[in-house]
Amino acid sequence: MTLANEQNGSAARSDERLKKVSTLTGILRRPELGAVAGLVLVTVFFLLTANPAMFTLAGVVNFMAPAAQLGILAVGAALLMIGGEFDLSIGSMVAFAGLVFG
């Protein structure tokens, strides 16, 4: 019994998945890094090329007002998907609301 425990212990100690990695290596291995890097690149691109009036309070409000409607719909759809209810009728509801409210 002792021999089996010693063999399992040495196998666990030599496992590559249990090795300590540096913090930088851990951050670089994260799959979210690509999305964050892409967001930073797009933001820098728009900061360099966009009209300076876009980043004033009025410009941001102008941009966010229509985005708020889509954000509310996206949150609702995400909550349905998290709950396991895949409701694909959101597109038809948006079209119907556009017809009703003009």
PDB file of N, CA and C in Angstrom:
ATOM      1  N   MET A   1       0.825  -1.188   0.000  1.00  0.00           N
ATOM      2  CA  MET A   1       0.000   0.000   0.000  1.00  0.00           C
ATOM      3  C   MET A   1       0.863   1.243   0.000  1.00  0.00           C
ATOM      4  N   THR A   2       1.974   1.192   0.704  1.00  0.00           N
ATOM      5  CA  THR A   2       2.859   2.348   0.748  1.00  0.00           C
ATOM      6  C   THR A   2       3.507   2.569  -0.608  1.00  0.00           C
ATOM      7  N   LEU A   3       3.858   1.493  -1.273  1.00  0.00           N
ATOM      8  CA  LEU A   3       4.497   1.611  -2.580  1.00  0.00           C
ATOM      9  C   LEU A   3       3.552   2.280  -3.589  1.00  0.00           C
ATOM     10  N   ALA A   4       2.283   1.916  -3.559  1.00  0.00           N
ATOM     11  CA  ALA A   4       1.315   2.523  -4.476  1.00  0.00           C
ATOM     12  C   ALA A   4       1.158   4.009  -4.192  1.00  0.00           C
ATOM     13  N   ASN A   5       1.124   4.396  -2.926  1.00  0.00           N
ATOM     14  CA  ASN A   5       1.008   5.810  -2.580  1.00  0.00           C
ATOM     15  C   ASN A   5       2.236   6.589  -3.015  1.00  0.00           C
ATOM     16  N   GLU A   6       3.413   5.994  -2.873  1.00  0.00           N
ATOM     17  CA  GLU A   6       4.640   6.679  -3.289  1.00  0.00           C
ATOM     18  C   GLU A   6       4.672   6.858  -4.801  1.00  0.00           C
ATOM     19  N   GLN A   7       4.214   5.850  -5.531  1.00  0.00           N
ATOM     20  CA  GLN A   7       4.202   5.968  -6.987  1.00  0.00           C
ATOM     21  C   GLN A   7       3.211   7.043  -7.432  1.00  0.00           C
ATOM     22  N   ASN A   8       2.046   7.083  -6.815  1.00  0.00           N
ATOM     23  CA  ASN A   8       1.060   8.108  -7.171  1.00  0.00           C
ATOM     24  C   ASN A   8       1.560   9.494  -6.806  1.00  0.00           C
ATOM     25  N   GLY A   9       2.237   9.615  -5.690  1.00  0.00           N
ATOM     26  CA  GLY A   9       2.754  10.910  -5.261  1.00  0.00           C
ATOM     27  C   GLY A   9       3.829  11.426  -6.200  1.00  0.00           C
ATOM     28  N   SER A  10       4.721  10.538  -6.643  1.00  0.00           N
ATOM     29  CA  SER A  10       5.770  10.979  -7.558  1.00  0.00           C
ATOM     30  C   SER A  10       5.191  11.319  -8.928  1.00  0.00           C
ATOM     31  N   ALA A  11       4.152  10.615  -9.334  1.00  0.00           N
ATOM     32  CA  ALA A  11       3.512  10.927 -10.615  1.00  0.00           C
ATOM     33  C   ALA A  11       2.819  12.283 -10.546  1.00  0.00           C
ATOM     34  N   ALA A  12       2.212  12.573  -9.416  1.00  0.00           N
ATOM     35  CA  ALA A  12       1.531  13.858  -9.269  1.00  0.00           C
ATOM     36  C   ALA A  12       2.528  15.003  -9.231  1.00  0.00           C
ATOM     37  N   ARG A  13       3.682  14.775  -8.629  1.00  0.00           N
ATOM     38  CA  ARG A  13       4.685  15.838  -8.555  1.00  0.00           C
ATOM     39  C   ARG A  13       5.311  16.122  -9.911  1.00  0.00           C
ATOM     40  N   SER A  14       5.357  15.129 -10.784  1.00  0.00           N
ATOM     41  CA  SER A  14       5.992  15.337 -12.083  1.00  0.00           C
ATOM     42  C   SER A  14       4.992  15.767 -13.160  1.00  0.00           C
ATOM     43  N   ASP A  15       3.747  15.933 -12.804  1.00  0.00           N
ATOM     44  CA  ASP A  15       2.725  16.327 -13.770  1.00  0.00           C
ATOM     45  C   ASP A  15       2.976  17.761 -14.236  1.00  0.00           C
ATOM     46  N   GLU A  16       2.984  17.972 -15.556  1.00  0.00           N
ATOM     47  CA  GLU A  16       3.266  19.297 -16.114  1.00  0.00           C
ATOM     48  C   GLU A  16       2.185  20.313 -15.774  1.00  0.00           C
ATOM     49  N   ARG A  17       0.955  19.871 -15.606  1.00  0.00           N
ATOM     50  CA  ARG A  17      -0.141  20.795 -15.333  1.00  0.00           C
ATOM     51  C   ARG A  17      -0.035  21.427 -13.957  1.00  0.00           C
ATOM     52  N   LEU A  18       0.736  20.816 -13.068  1.00  0.00           N
ATOM     53  CA  LEU A  18       0.845  21.330 -11.709  1.00  0.00           C
ATOM     54  C   LEU A  18       2.039  22.248 -11.513  1.00  0.00           C
ATOM     55  N   LYS A  19       2.832  22.455 -12.563  1.00  0.00           N
ATOM     56  CA  LYS A  19       3.996  23.329 -12.432  1.00  0.00           C
ATOM     57  C   LYS A  19       3.557  24.771 -12.239  1.00  0.00           C
ATOM     58  N   LYS A  20       4.321  25.506 -11.465  1.00  0.00           N
ATOM     59  CA  LYS A  20       4.049  26.928 -11.260  1.00  0.00           C
ATOM     60  C   LYS A  20       4.453  27.688 -12.517  1.00  0.00           C
ATOM     61  N   VAL A  21       3.593  28.600 -12.935  1.00  0.00           N
ATOM     62  CA  VAL A  21       3.914  29.467 -14.064  1.00  0.00           C
ATOM     63  C   VAL A  21       3.938  30.900 -13.567  1.00  0.00           C
ATOM     64  N   SER A  22       4.690  31.729 -14.258  1.00  0.00           N
ATOM     65  CA  SER A  22       4.779  33.124 -13.844  1.00  0.00           C
ATOM     66  C   SER A  22       3.454  33.833 -14.121  1.00  0.00           C
ATOM     67  N   THR A  23       3.269  34.954 -13.481  1.00  0.00           N
ATOM     68  CA  THR A  23       2.034  35.716 -13.644  1.00  0.00           C
ATOM     69  C   THR A  23       1.879  36.188 -15.088  1.00  0.00           C
ATOM     70  N   LEU A  24       2.960  36.657 -15.689  1.00  0.00           N
ATOM     71  CA  LEU A  24       2.905  37.129 -17.072  1.00  0.00           C
ATOM     72  C   LEU A  24       2.529  35.996 -18.024  1.00  0.00           C
ATOM     73  N   THR A  25       3.104  34.818 -17.818  1.00  0.00           N
ATOM     74  CA  THR A  25       2.773  33.672 -18.659  1.00  0.00           C
ATOM     75  C   THR A  25       1.311  33.294 -18.489  1.00  0.00           C
ATOM     76  N   GLY A  26       0.811  33.352 -17.269  1.00  0.00           N
ATOM     77  CA  GLY A  26      -0.596  33.057 -17.024  1.00  0.00           C
ATOM     78  C   GLY A  26      -1.516  34.033 -17.723  1.00  0.00           C
ATOM     79  N   ILE A  27      -1.147  35.313 -17.718  1.00  0.00           N
ATOM     80  CA  ILE A  27      -1.969  36.328 -18.387  1.00  0.00           C
ATOM     81  C   ILE A  27      -1.933  36.131 -19.900  1.00  0.00           C
ATOM     82  N   LEU A  28      -0.758  35.840 -20.449  1.00  0.00           N
ATOM     83  CA  LEU A  28      -0.630  35.673 -21.895  1.00  0.00           C
ATOM     84  C   LEU A  28      -1.328  34.419 -22.403  1.00  0.00           C
ATOM     85  N   ARG A  29      -1.556  33.442 -21.546  1.00  0.00           N
ATOM     86  CA  ARG A  29      -2.237  32.214 -21.951  1.00  0.00           C
ATOM     87  C   ARG A  29      -3.755  32.322 -21.878  1.00  0.00           C
ATOM     88  N   ARG A  30      -4.276  33.407 -21.345  1.00  0.00           N
ATOM     89  CA  ARG A  30      -5.726  33.563 -21.203  1.00  0.00           C
ATOM     90  C   ARG A  30      -6.369  33.731 -22.579  1.00  0.00           C
ATOM     91  N   PRO A  31      -7.465  33.047 -22.853  1.00  0.00           N
ATOM     92  CA  PRO A  31      -8.109  33.190 -24.165  1.00  0.00           C
ATOM     93  C   PRO A  31      -8.771  34.550 -24.366  1.00  0.00           C
ATOM     94  N   GLU A  32      -9.051  35.270 -23.281  1.00  0.00           N
ATOM     95  CA  GLU A  32      -9.698  36.572 -23.402  1.00  0.00           C
ATOM     96  C   GLU A  32      -8.738  37.655 -23.871  1.00  0.00           C
ATOM     97  N   LEU A  33      -7.458  37.369 -23.874  1.00  0.00           N
ATOM     98  CA  LEU A  33      -6.462  38.375 -24.228  1.00  0.00           C
ATOM     99  C   LEU A  33      -6.665  38.891 -25.649  1.00  0.00           C
ATOM    100  N   GLY A  34      -7.046  38.030 -26.561  1.00  0.00           N
ATOM    101  CA  GLY A  34      -7.275  38.458 -27.942  1.00  0.00           C
ATOM    102  C   GLY A  34      -8.413  39.457 -28.057  1.00  0.00           C
ATOM    103  N   ALA A  35      -9.490  39.224 -27.324  1.00  0.00           N
ATOM    104  CA  ALA A  35     -10.627  40.146 -27.359  1.00  0.00           C
ATOM    105  C   ALA A  35     -10.251  41.492 -26.755  1.00  0.00           C
ATOM    106  N   VAL A  36      -9.522  41.472 -25.659  1.00  0.00           N
ATOM    107  CA  VAL A  36      -9.107  42.725 -25.016  1.00  0.00           C
ATOM    108  C   VAL A  36      -8.145  43.485 -25.921  1.00  0.00           C
ATOM    109  N   ALA A  37      -7.207  42.776 -26.539  1.00  0.00           N
ATOM    110  CA  ALA A  37      -6.258  43.431 -27.441  1.00  0.00           C
ATOM    111  C   ALA A  37      -6.982  44.028 -28.649  1.00  0.00           C
ATOM    112  N   GLY A  38      -7.955  43.313 -29.188  1.00  0.00           N
ATOM    113  CA  GLY A  38      -8.738  43.845 -30.304  1.00  0.00           C
ATOM    114  C   GLY A  38      -9.520  45.083 -29.914  1.00  0.00           C
ATOM    115  N   LEU A  39     -10.100  45.080 -28.722  1.00  0.00           N
ATOM    116  CA  LEU A  39     -10.837  46.246 -28.242  1.00  0.00           C
ATOM    117  C   LEU A  39      -9.918  47.445 -28.083  1.00  0.00           C
ATOM    118  N   VAL A  40      -8.728  47.217 -27.565  1.00  0.00           N
ATOM    119  CA  VAL A  40      -7.765  48.312 -27.401  1.00  0.00           C
ATOM    120  C   VAL A  40      -7.351  48.861 -28.764  1.00  0.00           C
ATOM    121  N   LEU A  41      -7.098  47.985 -29.730  1.00  0.00           N
ATOM    122  CA  LEU A  41      -6.697  48.440 -31.064  1.00  0.00           C
ATOM    123  C   LEU A  41      -7.802  49.245 -31.747  1.00  0.00           C
ATOM    124  N   VAL A  42      -9.037  48.784 -31.648  1.00  0.00           N
ATOM    125  CA  VAL A  42     -10.151  49.518 -32.260  1.00  0.00           C
ATOM    126  C   VAL A  42     -10.328  50.871 -31.583  1.00  0.00           C
ATOM    127  N   THR A  43     -10.213  50.905 -30.257  1.00  0.00           N
ATOM    128  CA  THR A  43     -10.349  52.166 -29.528  1.00  0.00           C
ATOM    129  C   THR A  43      -9.261  53.148 -29.931  1.00  0.00           C
ATOM    130  N   VAL A  44      -8.025  52.684 -30.022  1.00  0.00           N
ATOM    131  CA  VAL A  44      -6.921  53.560 -30.426  1.00  0.00           C
ATOM    132  C   VAL A  44      -7.132  54.052 -31.857  1.00  0.00           C
ATOM    133  N   PHE A  45      -7.594  53.179 -32.733  1.00  0.00           N
ATOM    134  CA  PHE A  45      -7.859  53.581 -34.118  1.00  0.00           C
ATOM    135  C   PHE A  45      -8.889  54.707 -34.172  1.00  0.00           C
ATOM    136  N   PHE A  46      -9.988  54.549 -33.441  1.00  0.00           N
ATOM    137  CA  PHE A  46     -11.024  55.584 -33.457  1.00  0.00           C
ATOM    138  C   PHE A  46     -10.566  56.860 -32.768  1.00  0.00           C
ATOM    139  N   LEU A  47      -9.759  56.736 -31.744  1.00  0.00           N
ATOM    140  CA  LEU A  47      -9.242  57.939 -31.094  1.00  0.00           C
ATOM    141  C   LEU A  47      -8.363  58.747 -32.038  1.00  0.00           C
ATOM    142  N   LEU A  48      -7.614  58.057 -32.898  1.00  0.00           N
ATOM    143  CA  LEU A  48      -6.710  58.747 -33.812  1.00  0.00           C
ATOM    144  C   LEU A  48      -7.417  59.290 -35.057  1.00  0.00           C
ATOM    145  N   THR A  49      -8.473  58.630 -35.508  1.00  0.00           N
ATOM    146  CA  THR A  49      -9.074  59.007 -36.785  1.00  0.00           C
ATOM    147  C   THR A  49     -10.415  59.722 -36.678  1.00  0.00           C
ATOM    148  N   ALA A  50     -11.081  59.649 -35.555  1.00  0.00           N
ATOM    149  CA  ALA A  50     -12.435  60.209 -35.447  1.00  0.00           C
ATOM    150  C   ALA A  50     -12.397  61.714 -35.235  1.00  0.00           C
ATOM    151  N   ASN A  51     -13.519  62.323 -35.527  1.00  0.00           N
ATOM    152  CA  ASN A  51     -13.708  63.746 -35.294  1.00  0.00           C
ATOM    153  C   ASN A  51     -13.652  64.003 -33.785  1.00  0.00           C
ATOM    154  N   PRO A  52     -12.915  65.011 -33.339  1.00  0.00           N
ATOM    155  CA  PRO A  52     -12.829  65.272 -31.887  1.00  0.00           C
ATOM    156  C   PRO A  52     -14.177  65.570 -31.240  1.00  0.00           C
ATOM    157  N   ALA A  53     -15.147  66.054 -32.012  1.00  0.00           N
ATOM    158  CA  ALA A  53     -16.469  66.336 -31.452  1.00  0.00           C
ATOM    159  C   ALA A  53     -17.200  65.058 -31.048  1.00  0.00           C
ATOM    160  N   MET A  54     -16.753  63.915 -31.569  1.00  0.00           N
ATOM    161  CA  MET A  54     -17.399  62.650 -31.233  1.00  0.00           C
ATOM    162  C   MET A  54     -17.214  62.296 -29.763  1.00  0.00           C
ATOM    163  N   PHE A  55     -16.126  62.739 -29.171  1.00  0.00           N
ATOM    164  CA  PHE A  55     -15.819  62.355 -27.798  1.00  0.00           C
ATOM    165  C   PHE A  55     -16.247  63.402 -26.779  1.00  0.00           C
ATOM    166  N   THR A  56     -17.059  64.355 -27.197  1.00  0.00           N
ATOM    167  CA  THR A  56     -17.648  65.288 -26.240  1.00  0.00           C
ATOM    168  C   THR A  56     -18.873  64.616 -25.625  1.00  0.00           C
ATOM    169  N   LEU A  57     -19.442  65.227 -24.603  1.00  0.00           N
ATOM    170  CA  LEU A  57     -20.610  64.642 -23.944  1.00  0.00           C
ATOM    171  C   LEU A  57     -21.783  64.508 -24.909  1.00  0.00           C
ATOM    172  N   ALA A  58     -21.998  65.515 -25.738  1.00  0.00           N
ATOM    173  CA  ALA A  58     -23.103  65.460 -26.700  1.00  0.00           C
ATOM    174  C   ALA A  58     -22.889  64.346 -27.724  1.00  0.00           C
ATOM    175  N   GLY A  59     -21.651  64.154 -28.160  1.00  0.00           N
ATOM    176  CA  GLY A  59     -21.360  63.100 -29.119  1.00  0.00           C
ATOM    177  C   GLY A  59     -21.564  61.714 -28.535  1.00  0.00           C
ATOM    178  N   VAL A  60     -21.153  61.533 -27.294  1.00  0.00           N
ATOM    179  CA  VAL A  60     -21.321  60.235 -26.643  1.00  0.00           C
ATOM    180  C   VAL A  60     -22.802  59.941 -26.410  1.00  0.00           C
ATOM    181  N   VAL A  61     -23.566  60.941 -25.997  1.00  0.00           N
ATOM    182  CA  VAL A  61     -25.009  60.751 -25.791  1.00  0.00           C
ATOM    183  C   VAL A  61     -25.684  60.429 -27.118  1.00  0.00           C
ATOM    184  N   ASN A  62     -25.279  61.095 -28.180  1.00  0.00           N
ATOM    185  CA  ASN A  62     -25.818  60.832 -29.515  1.00  0.00           C
ATOM    186  C   ASN A  62     -25.559  59.393 -29.942  1.00  0.00           C
ATOM    187  N   PHE A  63     -24.425  58.875 -29.594  1.00  0.00           N
ATOM    188  CA  PHE A  63     -24.053  57.515 -29.962  1.00  0.00           C
ATOM    189  C   PHE A  63     -24.742  56.480 -29.077  1.00  0.00           C
ATOM    190  N   MET A  64     -24.876  56.779 -27.792  1.00  0.00           N
ATOM    191  CA  MET A  64     -25.384  55.791 -26.844  1.00  0.00           C
ATOM    192  C   MET A  64     -26.906  55.676 -26.826  1.00  0.00           C
ATOM    193  N   ALA A  65     -27.622  56.688 -27.268  1.00  0.00           N
ATOM    194  CA  ALA A  65     -29.088  56.629 -27.231  1.00  0.00           C
ATOM    195  C   ALA A  65     -29.638  55.465 -28.064  1.00  0.00           C
ATOM    196  N   PRO A  66     -29.247  55.300 -29.326  1.00  0.00           N
ATOM    197  CA  PRO A  66     -29.740  54.130 -30.065  1.00  0.00           C
ATOM    198  C   PRO A  66     -29.128  52.819 -29.562  1.00  0.00           C
ATOM    199  N   ALA A  67     -27.911  52.878 -29.055  1.00  0.00           N
ATOM    200  CA  ALA A  67     -27.261  51.662 -28.571  1.00  0.00           C
ATOM    201  C   ALA A  67     -27.933  51.131 -27.312  1.00  0.00           C
ATOM    202  N   ALA A  68     -28.579  52.000 -26.545  1.00  0.00           N
ATOM    203  CA  ALA A  68     -29.251  51.564 -25.320  1.00  0.00           C
ATOM    204  C   ALA A  68     -30.401  50.617 -25.638  1.00  0.00           C
ATOM    205  N   GLN A  69     -31.119  50.886 -26.702  1.00  0.00           N
ATOM    206  CA  GLN A  69     -32.235  50.010 -27.077  1.00  0.00           C
ATOM    207  C   GLN A  69     -31.732  48.612 -27.417  1.00  0.00           C
ATOM    208  N   LEU A  70     -30.685  48.537 -28.206  1.00  0.00           N
ATOM    209  CA  LEU A  70     -30.125  47.232 -28.547  1.00  0.00           C
ATOM    210  C   LEU A  70     -29.511  46.557 -27.329  1.00  0.00           C
ATOM    211  N   GLY A  71     -28.936  47.351 -26.427  1.00  0.00           N
ATOM    212  CA  GLY A  71     -28.367  46.786 -25.203  1.00  0.00           C
ATOM    213  C   GLY A  71     -29.423  46.148 -24.327  1.00  0.00           C
ATOM    214  N   ILE A  72     -30.575  46.790 -24.206  1.00  0.00           N
ATOM    215  CA  ILE A  72     -31.669  46.222 -23.410  1.00  0.00           C
ATOM    216  C   ILE A  72     -32.146  44.912 -24.030  1.00  0.00           C
ATOM    217  N   LEU A  73     -32.283  44.880 -25.345  1.00  0.00           N
ATOM    218  CA  LEU A  73     -32.685  43.646 -26.021  1.00  0.00           C
ATOM    219  C   LEU A  73     -31.632  42.553 -25.852  1.00  0.00           C
ATOM    220  N   ALA A  74     -30.361  42.925 -25.926  1.00  0.00           N
ATOM    221  CA  ALA A  74     -29.288  41.942 -25.786  1.00  0.00           C
ATOM    222  C   ALA A  74     -29.242  41.364 -24.380  1.00  0.00           C
ATOM    223  N   VAL A  75     -29.474  42.197 -23.368  1.00  0.00           N
ATOM    224  CA  VAL A  75     -29.489  41.693 -21.987  1.00  0.00           C
ATOM    225  C   VAL A  75     -30.639  40.707 -21.805  1.00  0.00           C
ATOM    226  N   GLY A  76     -31.803  41.045 -22.338  1.00  0.00           N
ATOM    227  CA  GLY A  76     -32.941  40.130 -22.243  1.00  0.00           C
ATOM    228  C   GLY A  76     -32.672  38.804 -22.931  1.00  0.00           C
ATOM    229  N   ALA A  77     -32.099  38.843 -24.129  1.00  0.00           N
ATOM    230  CA  ALA A  77     -31.780  37.611 -24.851  1.00  0.00           C
ATOM    231  C   ALA A  77     -30.720  36.802 -24.116  1.00  0.00           C
ATOM    232  N   ALA A  78     -29.732  37.475 -23.535  1.00  0.00           N
ATOM    233  CA  ALA A  78     -28.688  36.767 -22.793  1.00  0.00           C
ATOM    234  C   ALA A  78     -29.261  36.079 -21.562  1.00  0.00           C
ATOM    235  N   LEU A  79     -30.161  36.753 -20.853  1.00  0.00           N
ATOM    236  CA  LEU A  79     -30.772  36.132 -19.676  1.00  0.00           C
ATOM    237  C   LEU A  79     -31.616  34.918 -20.064  1.00  0.00           C
ATOM    238  N   LEU A  80     -32.307  35.000 -21.192  1.00  0.00           N
ATOM    239  CA  LEU A  80     -33.063  33.842 -21.657  1.00  0.00           C
ATOM    240  C   LEU A  80     -32.139  32.677 -21.995  1.00  0.00           C
ATOM    241  N   MET A  81     -31.028  32.969 -22.655  1.00  0.00           N
ATOM    242  CA  MET A  81     -30.096  31.902 -23.018  1.00  0.00           C
ATOM    243  C   MET A  81     -29.437  31.289 -21.794  1.00  0.00           C
ATOM    244  N   ILE A  82     -29.117  32.112 -20.802  1.00  0.00           N
ATOM    245  CA  ILE A  82     -28.540  31.583 -19.567  1.00  0.00           C
ATOM    246  C   ILE A  82     -29.538  30.659 -18.883  1.00  0.00           C
ATOM    247  N   GLY A  83     -30.809  31.021 -18.933  1.00  0.00           N
ATOM    248  CA  GLY A  83     -31.851  30.195 -18.329  1.00  0.00           C
ATOM    249  C   GLY A  83     -32.208  28.966 -19.140  1.00  0.00           C
ATOM    250  N   GLY A  84     -31.636  28.813 -20.325  1.00  0.00           N
ATOM    251  CA  GLY A  84     -31.895  27.640 -21.144  1.00  0.00           C
ATOM    252  C   GLY A  84     -33.060  27.803 -22.103  1.00  0.00           C
ATOM    253  N   GLU A  85     -33.659  28.960 -22.156  1.00  0.00           N
ATOM    254  CA  GLU A  85     -34.770  29.222 -23.065  1.00  0.00           C
ATOM    255  C   GLU A  85     -34.240  30.000 -24.267  1.00  0.00           C
ATOM    256  N   PHE A  86     -34.127  29.355 -25.402  1.00  0.00           N
ATOM    257  CA  PHE A  86     -33.598  30.012 -26.583  1.00  0.00           C
ATOM    258  C   PHE A  86     -34.750  30.629 -27.368  1.00  0.00           C
ATOM    259  N   ASP A  87     -34.975  31.902 -27.142  1.00  0.00           N
ATOM    260  CA  ASP A  87     -36.060  32.635 -27.782  1.00  0.00           C
ATOM    261  C   ASP A  87     -35.491  33.377 -28.985  1.00  0.00           C
ATOM    262  N   LEU A  88     -35.798  32.892 -30.169  1.00  0.00           N
ATOM    263  CA  LEU A  88     -35.262  33.488 -31.389  1.00  0.00           C
ATOM    264  C   LEU A  88     -36.227  34.479 -32.024  1.00  0.00           C
ATOM    265  N   SER A  89     -37.301  34.834 -31.334  1.00  0.00           N
ATOM    266  CA  SER A  89     -38.293  35.731 -31.913  1.00  0.00           C
ATOM    267  C   SER A  89     -37.980  37.195 -31.648  1.00  0.00           C
ATOM    268  N   ILE A  90     -36.818  37.506 -31.106  1.00  0.00           N
ATOM    269  CA  ILE A  90     -36.510  38.896 -30.762  1.00  0.00           C
ATOM    270  C   ILE A  90     -36.438  39.768 -32.020  1.00  0.00           C
ATOM    271  N   GLY A  91     -35.986  39.224 -33.121  1.00  0.00           N
ATOM    272  CA  GLY A  91     -35.930  39.996 -34.364  1.00  0.00           C
ATOM    273  C   GLY A  91     -37.309  40.391 -34.854  1.00  0.00           C
ATOM    274  N   SER A  92     -38.244  39.458 -34.788  1.00  0.00           N
ATOM    275  CA  SER A  92     -39.603  39.789 -35.223  1.00  0.00           C
ATOM    276  C   SER A  92     -40.264  40.776 -34.266  1.00  0.00           C
ATOM    277  N   MET A  93     -39.949  40.701 -32.984  1.00  0.00           N
ATOM    278  CA  MET A  93     -40.513  41.657 -32.022  1.00  0.00           C
ATOM    279  C   MET A  93     -39.974  43.066 -32.266  1.00  0.00           C
ATOM    280  N   VAL A  94     -38.699  43.174 -32.607  1.00  0.00           N
ATOM    281  CA  VAL A  94     -38.115  44.488 -32.912  1.00  0.00           C
ATOM    282  C   VAL A  94     -38.755  45.056 -34.177  1.00  0.00           C
ATOM    283  N   ALA A  95     -38.951  44.222 -35.187  1.00  0.00           N
ATOM    284  CA  ALA A  95     -39.588  44.689 -36.421  1.00  0.00           C
ATOM    285  C   ALA A  95     -41.029  45.121 -36.160  1.00  0.00           C
ATOM    286  N   PHE A  96     -41.747  44.357 -35.347  1.00  0.00           N
ATOM    287  CA  PHE A  96     -43.130  44.711 -35.021  1.00  0.00           C
ATOM    288  C   PHE A  96     -43.194  46.025 -34.250  1.00  0.00           C
ATOM    289  N   ALA A  97     -42.295  46.210 -33.295  1.00  0.00           N
ATOM    290  CA  ALA A  97     -42.268  47.464 -32.534  1.00  0.00           C
ATOM    291  C   ALA A  97     -41.930  48.639 -33.447  1.00  0.00           C
ATOM    292  N   GLY A  98     -41.058  48.428 -34.417  1.00  0.00           N
ATOM    293  CA  GLY A  98     -40.741  49.483 -35.372  1.00  0.00           C
ATOM    294  C   GLY A  98     -41.936  49.877 -36.215  1.00  0.00           C
ATOM    295  N   LEU A  99     -42.753  48.889 -36.584  1.00  0.00           N
ATOM    296  CA  LEU A  99     -43.963  49.190 -37.351  1.00  0.00           C
ATOM    297  C   LEU A  99     -45.003  49.920 -36.507  1.00  0.00           C
ATOM    298  N   VAL A 100     -45.157  49.495 -35.267  1.00  0.00           N
ATOM    299  CA  VAL A 100     -46.191  50.083 -34.413  1.00  0.00           C
ATOM    300  C   VAL A 100     -45.828  51.499 -33.992  1.00  0.00           C
ATOM    301  N   PHE A 101     -44.587  51.675 -33.550  1.00  0.00           N
ATOM    302  CA  PHE A 101     -44.187  52.965 -32.990  1.00  0.00           C
ATOM    303  C   PHE A 101     -43.523  53.884 -34.001  1.00  0.00           C
ATOM    304  N   GLY A 102     -43.322  53.411 -35.201  1.00  0.00           N
ATOM    305  CA  GLY A 102     -42.810  54.265 -36.266  1.00  0.00           C
ATOM    306  C   GLY A 102     -41.389  54.546 -36.139  1.00  0.00           C
TER     307      GLY A 102
END
